[in-house]
N, C-alpha and C. Protein backbone atom coordinates (compact mmCIF):
# COMPACT_ATOMS: atom_id res chain seq x y z
N MET A 1 117.66 72.58 71.78
CA MET A 1 116.41 72.61 71.03
C MET A 1 115.22 72.52 71.98
N GLN A 2 115.34 71.60 72.93
CA GLN A 2 114.27 71.44 73.90
C GLN A 2 114.08 72.69 74.73
N GLN A 3 115.22 73.35 75.09
CA GLN A 3 115.15 74.57 75.88
C GLN A 3 114.46 75.69 75.11
N GLN A 4 114.74 75.78 73.78
CA GLN A 4 114.10 76.79 72.96
C GLN A 4 112.60 76.57 72.88
N THR A 5 112.17 75.30 72.79
CA THR A 5 110.75 74.98 72.73
C THR A 5 110.05 75.37 74.01
N GLN A 6 110.71 75.10 75.14
CA GLN A 6 110.13 75.46 76.43
C GLN A 6 109.98 76.97 76.55
N SER A 7 111.01 77.72 76.10
CA SER A 7 110.95 79.17 76.18
C SER A 7 109.83 79.72 75.32
N SER A 8 109.65 79.12 74.12
CA SER A 8 108.59 79.56 73.23
C SER A 8 107.23 79.31 73.84
N ASN A 9 107.05 78.16 74.48
CA ASN A 9 105.77 77.83 75.11
C ASN A 9 105.47 78.78 76.27
N GLN A 10 106.52 79.22 76.96
CA GLN A 10 106.33 80.10 78.11
C GLN A 10 105.84 81.48 77.69
N THR A 11 106.22 81.93 76.48
CA THR A 11 105.82 83.26 76.04
C THR A 11 104.43 83.27 75.43
N GLN A 12 103.95 82.12 74.98
CA GLN A 12 102.64 82.04 74.36
C GLN A 12 101.58 81.74 75.43
N VAL A 13 101.31 82.74 76.24
CA VAL A 13 100.37 82.59 77.34
C VAL A 13 99.03 83.18 76.92
N THR A 14 97.95 82.47 77.22
CA THR A 14 96.62 82.99 76.90
C THR A 14 96.38 84.26 77.70
N PRO A 15 95.59 85.23 77.16
CA PRO A 15 95.42 86.53 77.81
C PRO A 15 94.98 86.46 79.27
N ASN A 16 94.05 85.55 79.59
CA ASN A 16 93.54 85.53 80.96
C ASN A 16 94.56 84.97 81.96
N LEU A 17 95.63 84.34 81.44
CA LEU A 17 96.68 83.83 82.33
C LEU A 17 97.95 84.68 82.23
N ASN A 18 97.85 85.83 81.60
CA ASN A 18 99.00 86.71 81.41
C ASN A 18 99.22 87.57 82.65
N HIS A 19 99.53 86.89 83.76
CA HIS A 19 99.75 87.57 85.04
C HIS A 19 100.89 86.89 85.77
N GLY A 20 101.71 87.69 86.45
CA GLY A 20 102.71 87.13 87.34
C GLY A 20 102.09 86.78 88.68
N GLY A 21 102.77 85.92 89.42
CA GLY A 21 102.23 85.50 90.72
C GLY A 21 102.07 86.66 91.67
N HIS A 22 103.07 87.53 91.75
CA HIS A 22 103.00 88.70 92.64
C HIS A 22 101.84 89.60 92.24
N GLU A 23 101.63 89.72 90.94
CA GLU A 23 100.56 90.56 90.41
C GLU A 23 99.19 90.07 90.87
N LEU A 24 99.00 88.76 90.92
CA LEU A 24 97.71 88.20 91.32
C LEU A 24 97.35 88.62 92.74
N PHE A 25 98.33 88.54 93.63
CA PHE A 25 98.08 88.94 95.01
C PHE A 25 97.81 90.44 95.10
N ASP A 26 98.58 91.22 94.34
CA ASP A 26 98.38 92.68 94.37
C ASP A 26 96.99 93.06 93.87
N LEU A 27 96.54 92.42 92.79
CA LEU A 27 95.22 92.76 92.24
C LEU A 27 94.10 92.34 93.18
N HIS A 28 94.29 91.23 93.89
CA HIS A 28 93.30 90.84 94.89
C HIS A 28 93.21 91.91 95.97
N GLU A 29 94.36 92.47 96.36
CA GLU A 29 94.35 93.51 97.38
C GLU A 29 93.69 94.77 96.85
N VAL A 30 93.99 95.15 95.61
CA VAL A 30 93.40 96.36 95.02
C VAL A 30 91.88 96.23 94.94
N LEU A 31 91.41 95.12 94.42
CA LEU A 31 89.96 94.94 94.26
C LEU A 31 89.26 94.84 95.61
N SER A 32 89.89 94.17 96.58
CA SER A 32 89.31 94.09 97.92
C SER A 32 89.24 95.47 98.56
N CYS A 33 90.28 96.28 98.38
CA CYS A 33 90.29 97.62 98.96
C CYS A 33 89.29 98.53 98.26
N THR A 34 89.08 98.31 96.95
CA THR A 34 88.08 99.10 96.24
C THR A 34 86.68 98.80 96.79
N ILE A 35 86.42 97.53 97.04
CA ILE A 35 85.15 97.15 97.66
C ILE A 35 85.01 97.81 99.02
N ASN A 36 86.11 97.85 99.77
CA ASN A 36 86.06 98.47 101.09
C ASN A 36 85.72 99.96 101.00
N VAL A 37 86.31 100.66 100.02
CA VAL A 37 85.98 102.07 99.82
C VAL A 37 84.49 102.22 99.52
N LEU A 38 83.98 101.39 98.62
CA LEU A 38 82.56 101.47 98.25
C LEU A 38 81.66 101.18 99.44
N ASP A 39 81.98 100.16 100.20
CA ASP A 39 81.16 99.81 101.37
C ASP A 39 81.19 100.93 102.42
N GLN A 40 82.38 101.49 102.63
CA GLN A 40 82.50 102.57 103.61
C GLN A 40 81.71 103.80 103.17
N PHE A 41 81.77 104.14 101.89
CA PHE A 41 81.00 105.28 101.41
C PHE A 41 79.50 105.04 101.58
N MET A 42 79.07 103.80 101.38
CA MET A 42 77.65 103.46 101.56
C MET A 42 77.25 103.67 103.03
N ILE A 43 78.14 103.27 103.94
CA ILE A 43 77.87 103.45 105.37
C ILE A 43 77.85 104.94 105.71
N PHE A 44 78.82 105.69 105.16
CA PHE A 44 78.90 107.12 105.47
C PHE A 44 77.65 107.87 105.04
N ARG A 45 77.02 107.43 103.96
CA ARG A 45 75.93 108.19 103.35
C ARG A 45 74.81 108.51 104.33
N GLN A 46 74.50 107.60 105.23
CA GLN A 46 73.39 107.82 106.15
C GLN A 46 73.70 108.88 107.21
N PHE A 47 74.99 109.24 107.35
CA PHE A 47 75.37 110.24 108.36
C PHE A 47 75.60 111.63 107.78
N VAL A 48 75.70 111.74 106.45
CA VAL A 48 76.01 113.03 105.83
C VAL A 48 74.82 113.98 105.99
N GLN A 49 75.13 115.22 106.38
CA GLN A 49 74.09 116.23 106.58
C GLN A 49 74.11 117.31 105.49
N ASP A 50 75.29 117.63 104.97
CA ASP A 50 75.43 118.70 103.99
C ASP A 50 75.18 118.15 102.59
N SER A 51 74.33 118.82 101.82
CA SER A 51 73.98 118.36 100.47
C SER A 51 75.19 118.40 99.53
N GLU A 52 76.11 119.34 99.75
CA GLU A 52 77.31 119.40 98.90
C GLU A 52 78.20 118.19 99.13
N LEU A 53 78.38 117.81 100.38
CA LEU A 53 79.18 116.63 100.69
C LEU A 53 78.50 115.37 100.18
N LEU A 54 77.18 115.32 100.27
CA LEU A 54 76.44 114.16 99.76
C LEU A 54 76.63 114.03 98.25
N ASP A 55 76.64 115.15 97.56
CA ASP A 55 76.85 115.13 96.10
C ASP A 55 78.24 114.60 95.77
N ILE A 56 79.25 115.04 96.52
CA ILE A 56 80.61 114.55 96.31
C ILE A 56 80.69 113.05 96.57
N LEU A 57 80.09 112.62 97.67
CA LEU A 57 80.11 111.20 98.03
C LEU A 57 79.46 110.35 96.94
N ASP A 58 78.30 110.78 96.46
CA ASP A 58 77.58 109.98 95.45
C ASP A 58 78.35 109.92 94.13
N ARG A 59 78.91 111.05 93.70
CA ARG A 59 79.65 111.06 92.44
C ARG A 59 80.91 110.21 92.55
N GLN A 60 81.60 110.29 93.68
CA GLN A 60 82.81 109.49 93.85
C GLN A 60 82.48 108.01 94.02
N TYR A 61 81.37 107.71 94.64
CA TYR A 61 80.95 106.31 94.76
C TYR A 61 80.70 105.73 93.38
N ASN A 62 79.93 106.43 92.56
CA ASN A 62 79.59 105.93 91.23
C ASN A 62 80.84 105.78 90.36
N PHE A 63 81.76 106.73 90.45
CA PHE A 63 82.99 106.63 89.67
C PHE A 63 83.84 105.45 90.13
N THR A 64 83.97 105.29 91.44
CA THR A 64 84.77 104.19 91.99
C THR A 64 84.17 102.84 91.61
N LEU A 65 82.84 102.74 91.63
CA LEU A 65 82.19 101.50 91.23
C LEU A 65 82.48 101.17 89.78
N ALA A 66 82.47 102.17 88.91
CA ALA A 66 82.78 101.95 87.50
C ALA A 66 84.23 101.49 87.33
N GLN A 67 85.15 102.07 88.12
CA GLN A 67 86.55 101.66 88.04
C GLN A 67 86.73 100.23 88.57
N TYR A 68 85.98 99.88 89.58
CA TYR A 68 86.03 98.51 90.08
C TYR A 68 85.62 97.52 89.00
N ASN A 69 84.52 97.81 88.31
CA ASN A 69 84.04 96.91 87.26
C ASN A 69 85.05 96.76 86.13
N LEU A 70 85.67 97.87 85.73
CA LEU A 70 86.69 97.82 84.68
C LEU A 70 87.88 96.96 85.10
N THR A 71 88.33 97.19 86.33
CA THR A 71 89.50 96.47 86.83
C THR A 71 89.21 94.98 86.97
N ALA A 72 88.05 94.65 87.53
CA ALA A 72 87.68 93.24 87.70
C ALA A 72 87.57 92.54 86.35
N GLU A 73 87.02 93.22 85.36
CA GLU A 73 86.85 92.62 84.04
C GLU A 73 88.19 92.34 83.36
N CYS A 74 89.07 93.36 83.30
CA CYS A 74 90.33 93.15 82.60
C CYS A 74 91.26 92.22 83.38
N PHE A 75 91.12 92.18 84.69
CA PHE A 75 91.92 91.25 85.49
C PHE A 75 91.52 89.81 85.19
N THR A 76 90.23 89.56 85.06
CA THR A 76 89.75 88.20 84.79
C THR A 76 90.07 87.75 83.38
N THR A 77 89.90 88.66 82.41
CA THR A 77 90.08 88.28 81.00
C THR A 77 91.49 88.50 80.49
N GLY A 78 92.22 89.44 81.11
CA GLY A 78 93.54 89.79 80.60
C GLY A 78 93.48 90.64 79.35
N GLN A 79 92.29 91.08 78.98
CA GLN A 79 92.11 91.84 77.75
C GLN A 79 91.49 93.20 78.04
N LYS A 80 91.44 94.03 77.00
CA LYS A 80 90.88 95.37 77.12
C LYS A 80 89.44 95.28 77.60
N PRO A 81 89.07 96.08 78.61
CA PRO A 81 87.69 96.03 79.13
C PRO A 81 86.69 96.54 78.11
N SER A 82 85.43 96.16 78.27
CA SER A 82 84.38 96.51 77.32
C SER A 82 84.05 98.00 77.35
N GLN A 83 84.37 98.68 78.45
CA GLN A 83 84.15 100.12 78.57
C GLN A 83 85.50 100.84 78.66
N GLU A 84 85.56 102.04 78.09
CA GLU A 84 86.78 102.84 78.17
C GLU A 84 86.94 103.42 79.57
N THR A 85 88.19 103.59 79.97
CA THR A 85 88.44 104.28 81.24
C THR A 85 88.03 105.75 81.08
N SER A 86 87.54 106.34 82.15
CA SER A 86 87.04 107.71 82.08
C SER A 86 87.86 108.62 83.01
N THR A 87 87.59 109.90 82.92
CA THR A 87 88.31 110.90 83.71
C THR A 87 87.37 111.51 84.73
N TYR A 88 87.83 111.57 85.99
CA TYR A 88 87.01 112.19 87.05
C TYR A 88 87.22 113.69 87.02
N MET A 89 86.14 114.42 87.00
CA MET A 89 86.20 115.88 86.96
C MET A 89 85.64 116.46 88.26
N ILE A 90 86.41 117.36 88.87
CA ILE A 90 85.94 118.07 90.06
C ILE A 90 84.84 119.02 89.64
N LYS A 91 83.73 118.97 90.35
CA LYS A 91 82.56 119.76 89.96
C LYS A 91 82.78 121.25 90.18
N ASP A 92 83.41 121.61 91.29
CA ASP A 92 83.58 123.03 91.62
C ASP A 92 84.99 123.25 92.15
N VAL A 93 85.90 123.67 91.27
CA VAL A 93 87.29 123.90 91.68
C VAL A 93 87.41 125.31 92.25
N THR A 94 87.86 125.41 93.49
CA THR A 94 88.05 126.70 94.14
C THR A 94 89.50 126.83 94.57
N GLN A 95 89.91 128.03 94.91
CA GLN A 95 91.27 128.27 95.40
C GLN A 95 91.37 127.89 96.88
N PRO A 96 92.44 127.23 97.28
CA PRO A 96 92.59 126.88 98.70
C PRO A 96 92.66 128.13 99.57
N ILE A 97 92.18 128.01 100.79
CA ILE A 97 92.23 129.08 101.77
C ILE A 97 93.40 128.79 102.72
N TYR A 98 94.33 129.74 102.82
CA TYR A 98 95.50 129.54 103.66
C TYR A 98 95.31 130.24 105.01
N GLY A 99 95.97 129.69 106.02
CA GLY A 99 95.90 130.28 107.35
C GLY A 99 95.11 129.41 108.31
N ILE A 100 95.29 129.70 109.59
CA ILE A 100 94.64 128.93 110.65
C ILE A 100 93.65 129.82 111.40
N LYS A 101 92.41 129.36 111.46
CA LYS A 101 91.39 130.06 112.24
C LYS A 101 91.12 129.28 113.53
N PRO A 102 90.75 129.99 114.60
CA PRO A 102 90.45 129.29 115.86
C PRO A 102 89.32 128.27 115.67
N SER A 103 89.47 127.12 116.29
CA SER A 103 88.45 126.08 116.19
C SER A 103 88.42 125.28 117.49
N GLN A 104 87.35 124.54 117.67
CA GLN A 104 87.21 123.73 118.88
C GLN A 104 88.20 122.56 118.85
N PRO A 105 88.78 122.22 120.00
CA PRO A 105 89.67 121.05 120.04
C PRO A 105 88.92 119.78 119.62
N LYS A 106 89.64 118.86 119.02
CA LYS A 106 89.02 117.63 118.56
C LYS A 106 89.18 116.52 119.59
N LYS A 107 88.22 115.62 119.60
CA LYS A 107 88.27 114.46 120.48
C LYS A 107 87.42 113.34 119.86
N PRO A 108 87.61 112.11 120.28
CA PRO A 108 86.82 111.00 119.72
C PRO A 108 85.32 111.19 119.99
N ASN A 109 84.50 110.71 119.09
CA ASN A 109 83.05 110.75 119.29
C ASN A 109 82.65 109.89 120.48
N GLN A 110 81.67 110.36 121.21
CA GLN A 110 81.16 109.61 122.35
C GLN A 110 80.00 108.70 121.96
N SER A 111 79.35 109.02 120.84
CA SER A 111 78.25 108.19 120.34
C SER A 111 78.06 108.52 118.87
N LEU A 112 77.19 107.76 118.19
CA LEU A 112 76.92 108.02 116.78
C LEU A 112 76.25 109.38 116.57
N ALA A 113 75.66 109.92 117.62
CA ALA A 113 75.05 111.25 117.51
C ALA A 113 76.10 112.33 117.29
N ASP A 114 77.37 112.04 117.61
CA ASP A 114 78.45 113.01 117.45
C ASP A 114 79.04 113.00 116.04
N VAL A 115 78.64 112.05 115.21
CA VAL A 115 79.19 111.97 113.85
C VAL A 115 78.73 113.17 113.04
N LYS A 116 79.70 113.92 112.50
CA LYS A 116 79.40 115.13 111.74
C LYS A 116 80.11 115.08 110.38
N ASP A 117 79.78 116.05 109.54
CA ASP A 117 80.36 116.09 108.19
C ASP A 117 81.88 116.24 108.22
N ALA A 118 82.40 116.92 109.22
CA ALA A 118 83.86 117.08 109.32
C ALA A 118 84.53 115.72 109.44
N GLY A 119 83.98 114.87 110.30
CA GLY A 119 84.56 113.54 110.46
C GLY A 119 84.35 112.65 109.26
N ILE A 120 83.15 112.71 108.68
CA ILE A 120 82.85 111.89 107.50
C ILE A 120 83.78 112.25 106.35
N SER A 121 83.94 113.55 106.10
CA SER A 121 84.83 113.96 105.01
C SER A 121 86.27 113.57 105.29
N GLY A 122 86.66 113.57 106.57
CA GLY A 122 88.00 113.11 106.94
C GLY A 122 88.20 111.64 106.63
N HIS A 123 87.21 110.82 106.94
CA HIS A 123 87.29 109.40 106.60
C HIS A 123 87.35 109.21 105.09
N MET A 124 86.56 109.98 104.37
CA MET A 124 86.52 109.86 102.91
C MET A 124 87.88 110.16 102.29
N ILE A 125 88.49 111.26 102.69
CA ILE A 125 89.76 111.63 102.08
C ILE A 125 90.86 110.64 102.46
N GLY A 126 90.78 110.09 103.67
CA GLY A 126 91.76 109.08 104.08
C GLY A 126 91.68 107.84 103.21
N LEU A 127 90.47 107.37 102.94
CA LEU A 127 90.28 106.20 102.10
C LEU A 127 90.76 106.45 100.67
N ILE A 128 90.42 107.60 100.11
CA ILE A 128 90.77 107.89 98.73
C ILE A 128 92.27 108.07 98.57
N LYS A 129 92.92 108.76 99.51
CA LYS A 129 94.37 108.94 99.44
C LYS A 129 95.10 107.60 99.56
N THR A 130 94.63 106.75 100.45
CA THR A 130 95.24 105.43 100.60
C THR A 130 95.09 104.61 99.33
N HIS A 131 93.92 104.70 98.70
CA HIS A 131 93.68 103.93 97.49
C HIS A 131 94.53 104.45 96.33
N ALA A 132 94.72 105.76 96.26
CA ALA A 132 95.60 106.32 95.22
C ALA A 132 97.02 105.79 95.37
N SER A 133 97.49 105.69 96.61
CA SER A 133 98.83 105.15 96.86
C SER A 133 98.91 103.68 96.48
N LEU A 134 97.89 102.91 96.84
CA LEU A 134 97.87 101.48 96.52
C LEU A 134 97.87 101.25 95.02
N LEU A 135 97.07 102.02 94.29
CA LEU A 135 97.03 101.89 92.83
C LEU A 135 98.39 102.19 92.22
N THR A 136 99.07 103.21 92.74
CA THR A 136 100.39 103.57 92.22
C THR A 136 101.40 102.46 92.46
N MET A 137 101.45 101.95 93.68
CA MET A 137 102.41 100.89 94.01
C MET A 137 102.14 99.63 93.22
N THR A 138 100.86 99.32 93.01
CA THR A 138 100.50 98.10 92.30
C THR A 138 100.76 98.21 90.81
N SER A 139 100.46 99.34 90.21
CA SER A 139 100.58 99.47 88.76
C SER A 139 102.01 99.28 88.28
N VAL A 140 103.00 99.64 89.10
CA VAL A 140 104.39 99.47 88.68
C VAL A 140 104.87 98.02 88.81
N GLU A 141 104.05 97.16 89.41
CA GLU A 141 104.40 95.75 89.58
C GLU A 141 103.64 94.84 88.63
N VAL A 142 102.68 95.39 87.87
CA VAL A 142 101.82 94.57 87.02
C VAL A 142 102.51 94.24 85.71
N THR A 143 102.46 92.97 85.31
CA THR A 143 103.07 92.54 84.04
C THR A 143 102.08 92.57 82.89
N ASN A 144 100.80 92.33 83.16
CA ASN A 144 99.80 92.37 82.10
C ASN A 144 99.65 93.81 81.61
N PRO A 145 99.89 94.08 80.32
CA PRO A 145 99.88 95.47 79.84
C PRO A 145 98.52 96.16 79.94
N VAL A 146 97.44 95.41 79.77
CA VAL A 146 96.11 96.02 79.85
C VAL A 146 95.77 96.39 81.29
N VAL A 147 95.99 95.47 82.20
CA VAL A 147 95.70 95.73 83.61
C VAL A 147 96.57 96.87 84.13
N ARG A 148 97.83 96.88 83.71
CA ARG A 148 98.73 97.96 84.14
C ARG A 148 98.19 99.32 83.69
N ARG A 149 97.74 99.40 82.45
CA ARG A 149 97.22 100.67 81.94
C ARG A 149 95.95 101.08 82.68
N VAL A 150 95.06 100.13 82.93
CA VAL A 150 93.80 100.44 83.62
C VAL A 150 94.08 100.95 85.04
N LEU A 151 95.01 100.31 85.74
CA LEU A 151 95.35 100.75 87.09
C LEU A 151 96.02 102.12 87.06
N ALA A 152 96.99 102.28 86.16
CA ALA A 152 97.74 103.54 86.10
C ALA A 152 96.82 104.71 85.76
N SER A 153 95.83 104.46 84.91
CA SER A 153 94.92 105.54 84.51
C SER A 153 94.04 106.00 85.67
N GLN A 154 93.87 105.15 86.67
CA GLN A 154 93.03 105.50 87.81
C GLN A 154 93.73 106.38 88.83
N VAL A 155 95.07 106.36 88.84
CA VAL A 155 95.82 107.08 89.87
C VAL A 155 95.48 108.56 89.87
N GLN A 156 95.57 109.21 88.70
CA GLN A 156 95.27 110.63 88.63
C GLN A 156 93.83 110.93 89.03
N ASN A 157 92.92 110.02 88.69
CA ASN A 157 91.51 110.23 89.05
C ASN A 157 91.31 110.23 90.56
N PHE A 158 91.96 109.31 91.24
CA PHE A 158 91.80 109.25 92.70
C PHE A 158 92.52 110.42 93.37
N ILE A 159 93.57 110.92 92.74
CA ILE A 159 94.21 112.14 93.24
C ILE A 159 93.23 113.31 93.15
N GLU A 160 92.52 113.40 92.01
CA GLU A 160 91.53 114.46 91.84
C GLU A 160 90.40 114.33 92.86
N MET A 161 89.97 113.10 93.12
CA MET A 161 88.91 112.88 94.09
C MET A 161 89.34 113.32 95.49
N ALA A 162 90.58 112.98 95.85
CA ALA A 162 91.10 113.40 97.16
C ALA A 162 91.19 114.92 97.24
N TYR A 163 91.59 115.55 96.15
CA TYR A 163 91.70 117.01 96.15
C TYR A 163 90.33 117.66 96.24
N GLU A 164 89.33 117.05 95.63
CA GLU A 164 87.97 117.57 95.72
C GLU A 164 87.48 117.55 97.17
N ILE A 165 87.74 116.47 97.86
CA ILE A 165 87.34 116.39 99.27
C ILE A 165 88.14 117.39 100.10
N PHE A 166 89.44 117.54 99.78
CA PHE A 166 90.25 118.54 100.49
C PHE A 166 89.66 119.93 100.33
N LEU A 167 89.28 120.30 99.09
CA LEU A 167 88.72 121.63 98.86
C LEU A 167 87.45 121.84 99.68
N TYR A 168 86.63 120.79 99.76
CA TYR A 168 85.41 120.88 100.57
C TYR A 168 85.77 121.09 102.04
N GLN A 169 86.71 120.30 102.55
CA GLN A 169 87.11 120.43 103.95
C GLN A 169 87.74 121.79 104.22
N ASN A 170 88.58 122.22 103.29
CA ASN A 170 89.28 123.50 103.46
C ASN A 170 88.29 124.66 103.50
N LYS A 171 87.27 124.61 102.64
CA LYS A 171 86.28 125.68 102.60
C LYS A 171 85.51 125.80 103.91
N HIS A 172 85.31 124.66 104.57
CA HIS A 172 84.56 124.64 105.82
C HIS A 172 85.48 124.65 107.05
N ALA A 173 86.76 124.89 106.82
CA ALA A 173 87.77 124.97 107.90
C ALA A 173 87.95 123.65 108.63
N TYR A 174 87.58 122.54 107.98
CA TYR A 174 87.86 121.22 108.56
C TYR A 174 89.33 120.84 108.32
N TYR A 175 89.88 121.33 107.22
CA TYR A 175 91.27 121.03 106.82
C TYR A 175 91.94 122.38 106.56
N GLN A 176 92.62 122.89 107.58
CA GLN A 176 93.24 124.21 107.47
C GLN A 176 94.69 124.07 107.02
N VAL A 177 95.16 125.08 106.29
CA VAL A 177 96.48 125.02 105.67
C VAL A 177 97.36 126.15 106.20
N PRO A 178 98.25 125.86 107.15
CA PRO A 178 99.15 126.91 107.64
C PRO A 178 100.23 127.23 106.61
N GLN A 179 100.79 128.42 106.70
CA GLN A 179 101.90 128.82 105.84
C GLN A 179 103.07 129.32 106.69
N LEU A 180 104.27 129.28 106.11
CA LEU A 180 105.44 129.84 106.78
C LEU A 180 105.44 131.36 106.67
N GLU A 181 106.26 132.00 107.47
CA GLU A 181 106.49 133.42 107.30
C GLU A 181 107.00 133.67 105.90
N ALA A 182 106.67 134.85 105.34
CA ALA A 182 107.02 135.15 103.95
C ALA A 182 108.53 135.02 103.71
N SER A 183 109.35 135.49 104.65
CA SER A 183 110.80 135.43 104.47
C SER A 183 111.30 133.98 104.49
N ASP A 184 110.74 133.18 105.39
CA ASP A 184 111.13 131.77 105.46
C ASP A 184 110.68 131.03 104.20
N MET A 185 109.48 131.34 103.72
CA MET A 185 108.99 130.70 102.51
C MET A 185 109.88 131.03 101.33
N GLN A 186 110.30 132.30 101.23
CA GLN A 186 111.15 132.70 100.11
C GLN A 186 112.49 131.97 100.16
N LYS A 187 113.04 131.80 101.35
CA LYS A 187 114.30 131.07 101.49
C LYS A 187 114.13 129.61 101.05
N MET A 188 113.02 129.00 101.45
CA MET A 188 112.77 127.61 101.05
C MET A 188 112.58 127.49 99.54
N LEU A 189 111.89 128.48 98.94
CA LEU A 189 111.65 128.44 97.50
C LEU A 189 112.94 128.59 96.70
N ASN A 190 113.93 129.27 97.27
CA ASN A 190 115.19 129.51 96.57
C ASN A 190 116.27 128.49 96.91
N THR A 191 115.90 127.44 97.60
CA THR A 191 116.89 126.44 98.01
C THR A 191 117.45 125.67 96.80
N PHE A 192 116.61 125.41 95.80
CA PHE A 192 117.02 124.62 94.64
C PHE A 192 116.96 125.46 93.38
N VAL A 193 117.94 125.25 92.49
CA VAL A 193 117.96 125.94 91.20
C VAL A 193 118.16 124.89 90.11
N PRO A 194 117.75 125.18 88.88
CA PRO A 194 117.94 124.22 87.79
C PRO A 194 119.43 123.96 87.52
N ALA A 195 119.73 122.75 87.08
CA ALA A 195 121.10 122.42 86.69
C ALA A 195 121.40 123.06 85.34
N THR A 196 122.61 123.59 85.20
CA THR A 196 123.01 124.23 83.94
C THR A 196 124.21 123.51 83.36
N GLY A 197 124.37 123.65 82.05
CA GLY A 197 125.48 123.01 81.39
C GLY A 197 125.25 121.53 81.18
N THR A 198 126.23 120.88 80.61
CA THR A 198 126.14 119.44 80.33
C THR A 198 126.93 118.67 81.36
N PRO A 199 126.31 117.78 82.12
CA PRO A 199 127.05 117.00 83.12
C PRO A 199 128.14 116.16 82.47
N GLN A 200 129.29 116.09 83.12
CA GLN A 200 130.40 115.27 82.62
C GLN A 200 130.33 113.91 83.30
N LEU A 201 129.61 113.00 82.66
CA LEU A 201 129.44 111.66 83.23
C LEU A 201 130.72 110.86 83.04
N PRO A 202 131.06 110.04 84.04
CA PRO A 202 132.28 109.23 83.91
C PRO A 202 132.09 108.15 82.84
N ALA A 203 133.20 107.73 82.24
CA ALA A 203 133.15 106.69 81.21
C ALA A 203 132.81 105.36 81.84
N ASN A 204 132.13 104.51 81.09
CA ASN A 204 131.80 103.16 81.54
C ASN A 204 132.38 102.18 80.53
N ASN A 205 133.37 101.43 80.97
CA ASN A 205 134.05 100.49 80.07
C ASN A 205 133.54 99.06 80.23
N LYS A 206 132.70 98.84 81.25
CA LYS A 206 132.26 97.47 81.54
C LYS A 206 131.21 96.99 80.55
N ALA A 207 130.25 97.85 80.20
CA ALA A 207 129.16 97.42 79.34
C ALA A 207 129.64 97.01 77.97
N ALA A 208 130.74 97.60 77.50
CA ALA A 208 131.24 97.28 76.15
C ALA A 208 131.79 95.88 76.06
N THR A 209 132.18 95.28 77.21
CA THR A 209 132.76 93.95 77.19
C THR A 209 131.76 92.84 77.43
N VAL A 210 130.50 93.21 77.74
CA VAL A 210 129.48 92.22 78.03
C VAL A 210 128.84 91.73 76.73
N HIS A 211 128.71 90.43 76.55
CA HIS A 211 128.12 89.86 75.33
C HIS A 211 126.88 89.06 75.71
């Protein structure tokens, strides 16, 4: 009887305490890394020269800030945030350009005067891709259903943000995309085929005896 009472008390957790221990550390890392993305974008802004890249930076900064506020709110309260999660939309979707064009060899900057849009956009995409991975890894470990949903909903958005920066880099030949020879590509594409028929799974007699 005492054990049943203890179990009942354990399940009746107030919303703001509806978190596992591992989850608390993960959310601290997510929110700290989100702040880092925002701070880095603020630093990058003073070096951006291209108006198109500046527009991407500002829109992604504002979206990331809104996601930070949502995450911080639901993490603290354990409840649905006061604002709905939103969807990030790429402003100008273009087709990727394939192939490698000659370009100058890369090397580390010798001074801040060497900072260019190619490098800034490279830093931006690195931060966004890393954050998308962190959100994915964290969301599968979260026990609070609201926080899990808020984190999971952000993953696709940060993927879109990374792709938007990729398209910008690709258009300016900062991020070039090589391809295989047509014959090699065709061989790779034909390596896998769909499974057909019904798989004959082996019988499992162990689960039937477990009570």
